[in-house]
N, C-alpha and C. Protein backbone atom coordinates (compact mmCIF):
# COMPACT_ATOMS: atom_id res chain seq x y z
N MET A 1 -19.68 -8.22 0.82
CA MET A 1 -18.24 -8.06 0.69
C MET A 1 -17.56 -8.96 1.72
N PHE A 2 -16.46 -9.53 1.34
CA PHE A 2 -15.71 -10.42 2.20
C PHE A 2 -15.01 -9.63 3.30
N LYS A 3 -14.69 -10.30 4.39
CA LYS A 3 -14.02 -9.66 5.53
C LYS A 3 -12.51 -9.74 5.33
N VAL A 4 -11.87 -8.60 5.35
CA VAL A 4 -10.42 -8.51 5.20
C VAL A 4 -9.86 -7.82 6.43
N ASP A 5 -8.83 -8.41 7.03
CA ASP A 5 -8.22 -7.84 8.24
C ASP A 5 -7.00 -6.99 7.93
N VAL A 6 -6.32 -7.32 6.81
CA VAL A 6 -5.10 -6.60 6.44
C VAL A 6 -5.14 -6.25 4.96
N ILE A 7 -4.42 -5.19 4.63
CA ILE A 7 -4.21 -4.79 3.24
C ILE A 7 -2.71 -4.60 3.05
N TYR A 8 -2.30 -4.47 1.81
CA TYR A 8 -0.88 -4.46 1.49
C TYR A 8 -0.51 -3.25 0.66
N LYS A 9 0.69 -2.72 0.94
CA LYS A 9 1.24 -1.60 0.19
C LYS A 9 2.64 -1.99 -0.29
N ILE A 10 2.86 -1.87 -1.58
CA ILE A 10 4.19 -2.04 -2.15
C ILE A 10 4.82 -0.65 -2.20
N CYS A 11 6.00 -0.53 -1.62
CA CYS A 11 6.67 0.77 -1.64
C CYS A 11 8.17 0.59 -1.75
N SER A 12 8.82 1.64 -2.18
CA SER A 12 10.28 1.61 -2.28
C SER A 12 10.89 1.74 -0.88
N LYS A 13 12.09 1.20 -0.73
CA LYS A 13 12.80 1.37 0.53
C LYS A 13 13.03 2.85 0.80
N PHE A 14 13.30 3.61 -0.25
CA PHE A 14 13.54 5.05 -0.10
C PHE A 14 12.31 5.74 0.50
N ASP A 15 11.11 5.44 -0.05
CA ASP A 15 9.88 6.05 0.46
C ASP A 15 9.62 5.64 1.92
N TRP A 16 9.93 4.38 2.24
CA TRP A 16 9.72 3.91 3.61
C TRP A 16 10.69 4.60 4.57
N GLU A 17 11.93 4.77 4.14
CA GLU A 17 12.91 5.47 4.98
C GLU A 17 12.48 6.91 5.22
N LYS A 18 11.91 7.56 4.20
CA LYS A 18 11.36 8.92 4.38
C LYS A 18 10.24 8.91 5.41
N ALA A 19 9.39 7.89 5.35
CA ALA A 19 8.29 7.78 6.31
C ALA A 19 8.80 7.61 7.73
N LEU A 20 9.82 6.79 7.89
CA LEU A 20 10.39 6.59 9.22
C LEU A 20 10.94 7.90 9.77
N ASP A 21 11.59 8.67 8.93
CA ASP A 21 12.13 9.97 9.35
C ASP A 21 11.00 10.95 9.71
N ALA A 22 9.92 10.92 8.92
CA ALA A 22 8.81 11.86 9.10
C ALA A 22 7.84 11.42 10.20
N GLY A 23 7.84 10.11 10.51
CA GLY A 23 6.90 9.59 11.50
C GLY A 23 5.54 9.23 10.93
N VAL A 24 5.40 9.33 9.60
CA VAL A 24 4.15 9.00 8.92
C VAL A 24 4.46 8.72 7.45
N TYR A 25 3.69 7.80 6.83
CA TYR A 25 3.86 7.50 5.41
C TYR A 25 2.82 8.29 4.63
N LYS A 26 3.31 9.16 3.75
CA LYS A 26 2.42 10.01 2.96
C LYS A 26 2.15 9.45 1.58
N GLY A 27 2.81 8.34 1.23
CA GLY A 27 2.59 7.71 -0.05
C GLY A 27 3.70 8.00 -1.04
N SER A 28 3.61 7.31 -2.16
CA SER A 28 4.57 7.47 -3.25
C SER A 28 4.19 8.71 -4.08
N ALA A 29 5.02 9.02 -5.05
CA ALA A 29 4.69 10.12 -5.98
C ALA A 29 3.38 9.84 -6.69
N ASP A 30 3.14 8.58 -7.07
CA ASP A 30 1.87 8.22 -7.72
C ASP A 30 0.69 8.41 -6.78
N ASP A 31 0.87 8.03 -5.51
CA ASP A 31 -0.19 8.22 -4.52
C ASP A 31 -0.52 9.71 -4.37
N GLU A 32 0.54 10.51 -4.25
CA GLU A 32 0.33 11.96 -4.09
C GLU A 32 -0.38 12.54 -5.30
N ARG A 33 -0.02 12.08 -6.49
CA ARG A 33 -0.66 12.56 -7.72
C ARG A 33 -2.16 12.19 -7.73
N ASP A 34 -2.48 10.97 -7.28
CA ASP A 34 -3.86 10.49 -7.33
C ASP A 34 -4.72 10.94 -6.15
N GLY A 35 -4.09 11.45 -5.10
CA GLY A 35 -4.85 11.97 -3.96
C GLY A 35 -5.21 10.94 -2.91
N PHE A 36 -4.64 9.74 -3.01
CA PHE A 36 -4.87 8.70 -2.01
C PHE A 36 -3.73 7.70 -2.09
N ILE A 37 -3.57 6.91 -1.03
CA ILE A 37 -2.54 5.87 -1.02
C ILE A 37 -3.17 4.59 -1.55
N HIS A 38 -2.56 4.04 -2.58
CA HIS A 38 -3.00 2.79 -3.20
C HIS A 38 -2.59 1.59 -2.35
N PHE A 39 -3.51 0.70 -2.11
CA PHE A 39 -3.25 -0.57 -1.43
C PHE A 39 -3.81 -1.70 -2.27
N SER A 40 -3.48 -2.92 -1.89
CA SER A 40 -4.03 -4.12 -2.53
C SER A 40 -4.49 -5.08 -1.46
N ALA A 41 -5.49 -5.89 -1.80
CA ALA A 41 -5.83 -7.05 -0.98
C ALA A 41 -4.79 -8.13 -1.29
N PHE A 42 -4.71 -9.15 -0.48
CA PHE A 42 -3.69 -10.19 -0.64
C PHE A 42 -3.67 -10.76 -2.06
N ASP A 43 -4.84 -11.09 -2.58
CA ASP A 43 -4.90 -11.73 -3.90
C ASP A 43 -4.66 -10.75 -5.06
N GLN A 44 -4.46 -9.49 -4.78
CA GLN A 44 -4.18 -8.48 -5.81
C GLN A 44 -2.71 -8.07 -5.85
N VAL A 45 -1.93 -8.49 -4.88
CA VAL A 45 -0.54 -8.02 -4.75
C VAL A 45 0.31 -8.41 -5.96
N THR A 46 0.25 -9.65 -6.39
CA THR A 46 1.11 -10.11 -7.49
C THR A 46 0.84 -9.34 -8.77
N GLU A 47 -0.42 -9.15 -9.11
CA GLU A 47 -0.73 -8.41 -10.32
C GLU A 47 -0.33 -6.93 -10.20
N THR A 48 -0.51 -6.35 -9.03
CA THR A 48 -0.08 -4.97 -8.81
C THR A 48 1.44 -4.86 -8.98
N LEU A 49 2.15 -5.80 -8.43
CA LEU A 49 3.60 -5.81 -8.56
C LEU A 49 4.02 -5.91 -10.03
N ASP A 50 3.41 -6.82 -10.75
CA ASP A 50 3.73 -7.00 -12.18
C ASP A 50 3.36 -5.79 -13.02
N LYS A 51 2.24 -5.17 -12.72
CA LYS A 51 1.75 -4.06 -13.54
C LYS A 51 2.46 -2.73 -13.24
N HIS A 52 2.70 -2.45 -11.98
CA HIS A 52 3.17 -1.12 -11.60
C HIS A 52 4.63 -1.05 -11.11
N PHE A 53 5.25 -2.20 -10.87
CA PHE A 53 6.60 -2.19 -10.29
C PHE A 53 7.58 -3.06 -11.08
N LYS A 54 7.25 -3.34 -12.32
CA LYS A 54 8.08 -4.19 -13.17
C LYS A 54 9.51 -3.64 -13.22
N ASN A 55 10.47 -4.54 -13.01
CA ASN A 55 11.90 -4.22 -13.10
C ASN A 55 12.40 -3.24 -12.05
N GLN A 56 11.61 -2.97 -11.03
CA GLN A 56 12.08 -2.11 -9.94
C GLN A 56 12.70 -2.98 -8.85
N THR A 57 13.66 -2.42 -8.18
CA THR A 57 14.33 -3.12 -7.09
C THR A 57 14.15 -2.31 -5.81
N ARG A 58 14.67 -2.87 -4.71
CA ARG A 58 14.58 -2.20 -3.40
C ARG A 58 13.13 -1.89 -3.02
N LEU A 59 12.28 -2.91 -3.15
CA LEU A 59 10.87 -2.76 -2.82
C LEU A 59 10.54 -3.50 -1.53
N LEU A 60 9.57 -2.95 -0.83
CA LEU A 60 9.05 -3.56 0.39
C LEU A 60 7.57 -3.83 0.25
N LEU A 61 7.10 -4.83 0.96
CA LEU A 61 5.68 -5.11 1.04
C LEU A 61 5.25 -4.86 2.48
N LEU A 62 4.43 -3.82 2.65
CA LEU A 62 3.92 -3.46 3.98
C LEU A 62 2.59 -4.17 4.20
N LYS A 63 2.46 -4.84 5.31
CA LYS A 63 1.20 -5.46 5.71
C LYS A 63 0.57 -4.54 6.75
N VAL A 64 -0.64 -4.08 6.47
CA VAL A 64 -1.28 -3.04 7.26
C VAL A 64 -2.58 -3.56 7.87
N ALA A 65 -2.73 -3.41 9.17
CA ALA A 65 -3.94 -3.83 9.88
C ALA A 65 -5.05 -2.81 9.65
N ILE A 66 -6.15 -3.26 9.08
CA ILE A 66 -7.27 -2.37 8.79
C ILE A 66 -7.84 -1.75 10.06
N ASP A 67 -7.87 -2.52 11.15
CA ASP A 67 -8.47 -1.98 12.37
C ASP A 67 -7.62 -0.89 13.03
N ARG A 68 -6.43 -0.64 12.50
CA ARG A 68 -5.59 0.45 13.01
C ARG A 68 -5.69 1.70 12.12
N LEU A 69 -6.54 1.63 11.10
CA LEU A 69 -6.73 2.76 10.19
C LEU A 69 -8.01 3.50 10.55
N ASP A 70 -8.04 4.78 10.25
CA ASP A 70 -9.26 5.57 10.41
C ASP A 70 -10.27 5.09 9.37
N PRO A 71 -11.38 4.48 9.77
CA PRO A 71 -12.32 3.93 8.80
C PRO A 71 -12.99 4.98 7.92
N THR A 72 -12.94 6.24 8.34
CA THR A 72 -13.58 7.28 7.53
C THR A 72 -12.74 7.67 6.32
N ILE A 73 -11.46 7.26 6.29
CA ILE A 73 -10.61 7.63 5.15
C ILE A 73 -10.17 6.42 4.32
N LEU A 74 -10.62 5.21 4.69
CA LEU A 74 -10.34 4.01 3.90
C LEU A 74 -11.56 3.68 3.06
N LYS A 75 -11.37 3.68 1.76
CA LYS A 75 -12.46 3.40 0.83
C LYS A 75 -12.07 2.24 -0.08
N TRP A 76 -13.02 1.34 -0.35
CA TRP A 76 -12.82 0.27 -1.32
C TRP A 76 -13.49 0.74 -2.60
N GLU A 77 -12.67 0.95 -3.64
CA GLU A 77 -13.19 1.54 -4.88
C GLU A 77 -12.82 0.68 -6.08
N VAL A 78 -13.70 0.68 -7.06
CA VAL A 78 -13.48 -0.10 -8.28
C VAL A 78 -12.32 0.48 -9.06
N SER A 79 -11.41 -0.41 -9.46
CA SER A 79 -10.24 -0.01 -10.23
C SER A 79 -9.97 -1.09 -11.28
N ARG A 80 -8.75 -1.55 -11.36
CA ARG A 80 -8.31 -2.52 -12.38
C ARG A 80 -9.23 -3.75 -12.45
N ASN A 81 -9.59 -4.11 -13.67
CA ASN A 81 -10.41 -5.30 -13.94
C ASN A 81 -11.76 -5.28 -13.22
N GLY A 82 -12.24 -4.10 -12.87
CA GLY A 82 -13.52 -4.00 -12.18
C GLY A 82 -13.47 -4.45 -10.73
N GLU A 83 -12.27 -4.71 -10.21
CA GLU A 83 -12.12 -5.15 -8.82
C GLU A 83 -12.08 -3.95 -7.89
N LYS A 84 -12.52 -4.17 -6.66
CA LYS A 84 -12.42 -3.12 -5.64
C LYS A 84 -11.05 -3.20 -4.97
N PHE A 85 -10.41 -2.03 -4.87
CA PHE A 85 -9.11 -1.90 -4.22
C PHE A 85 -9.24 -0.94 -3.05
N PRO A 86 -8.45 -1.17 -2.00
CA PRO A 86 -8.45 -0.25 -0.86
C PRO A 86 -7.63 1.00 -1.17
N HIS A 87 -8.22 2.15 -0.91
CA HIS A 87 -7.56 3.45 -1.09
C HIS A 87 -7.66 4.21 0.22
N LEU A 88 -6.55 4.75 0.68
CA LEU A 88 -6.52 5.51 1.93
C LEU A 88 -6.39 7.00 1.60
N TYR A 89 -7.42 7.76 1.95
CA TYR A 89 -7.47 9.20 1.68
C TYR A 89 -6.91 9.98 2.87
N GLY A 90 -5.64 9.75 3.13
CA GLY A 90 -4.95 10.40 4.22
C GLY A 90 -3.62 9.70 4.42
N ASP A 91 -2.92 10.09 5.46
CA ASP A 91 -1.61 9.51 5.74
C ASP A 91 -1.76 8.14 6.39
N LEU A 92 -0.76 7.30 6.18
CA LEU A 92 -0.68 6.01 6.84
C LEU A 92 0.16 6.16 8.10
N GLU A 93 -0.48 5.96 9.24
CA GLU A 93 0.24 6.00 10.50
C GLU A 93 1.12 4.74 10.60
N LEU A 94 2.36 4.92 11.02
CA LEU A 94 3.33 3.82 11.01
C LEU A 94 2.91 2.67 11.92
N ASP A 95 2.18 2.94 12.98
CA ASP A 95 1.77 1.86 13.89
C ASP A 95 0.70 0.95 13.30
N ALA A 96 0.16 1.30 12.13
CA ALA A 96 -0.79 0.42 11.44
C ALA A 96 -0.08 -0.69 10.67
N VAL A 97 1.23 -0.52 10.45
CA VAL A 97 2.02 -1.51 9.70
C VAL A 97 2.42 -2.61 10.67
N VAL A 98 1.95 -3.83 10.39
CA VAL A 98 2.20 -4.95 11.30
C VAL A 98 3.39 -5.81 10.86
N SER A 99 3.78 -5.73 9.59
CA SER A 99 4.98 -6.41 9.14
C SER A 99 5.47 -5.80 7.84
N ILE A 100 6.77 -6.03 7.59
CA ILE A 100 7.41 -5.51 6.38
C ILE A 100 8.28 -6.62 5.82
N ASP A 101 8.06 -6.94 4.55
CA ASP A 101 8.87 -7.94 3.86
C ASP A 101 9.58 -7.31 2.69
N GLU A 102 10.82 -7.71 2.50
CA GLU A 102 11.60 -7.25 1.37
C GLU A 102 11.22 -8.10 0.17
N LEU A 103 10.91 -7.44 -0.95
CA LEU A 103 10.57 -8.16 -2.18
C LEU A 103 11.86 -8.41 -2.97
N GLN A 104 12.00 -9.61 -3.48
CA GLN A 104 13.24 -10.02 -4.13
C GLN A 104 13.21 -9.75 -5.63
N GLY A 105 14.37 -9.50 -6.18
CA GLY A 105 14.55 -9.44 -7.63
C GLY A 105 13.95 -8.21 -8.27
N GLY A 106 13.99 -8.19 -9.59
CA GLY A 106 13.48 -7.09 -10.37
C GLY A 106 12.07 -7.30 -10.82
N ASN A 107 11.43 -8.36 -10.40
CA ASN A 107 10.03 -8.67 -10.69
C ASN A 107 9.67 -8.36 -12.09
């Protein structure tokens, strides 16, 4: 497996604002339904955006440092197109987020 230092989370500004108020990111409604927080590797972000966030606005792209996550709750699991995606089986601590970019348009 290749070495990855960061993973990415697409989230709504609303969900991020809730996380800031709570002091921790618990995930989107879809994450809560699935029992883990969905992330993407860099080369998976565009397809994730197109597939799951089409025509949505007010989105953010969180860049998350893997070395700031609890390794016992981060799993790389096979998902779309047989690719492995990072899934976090717990809350995302805010200090693991190293940058936040606003995504433009309705994608």
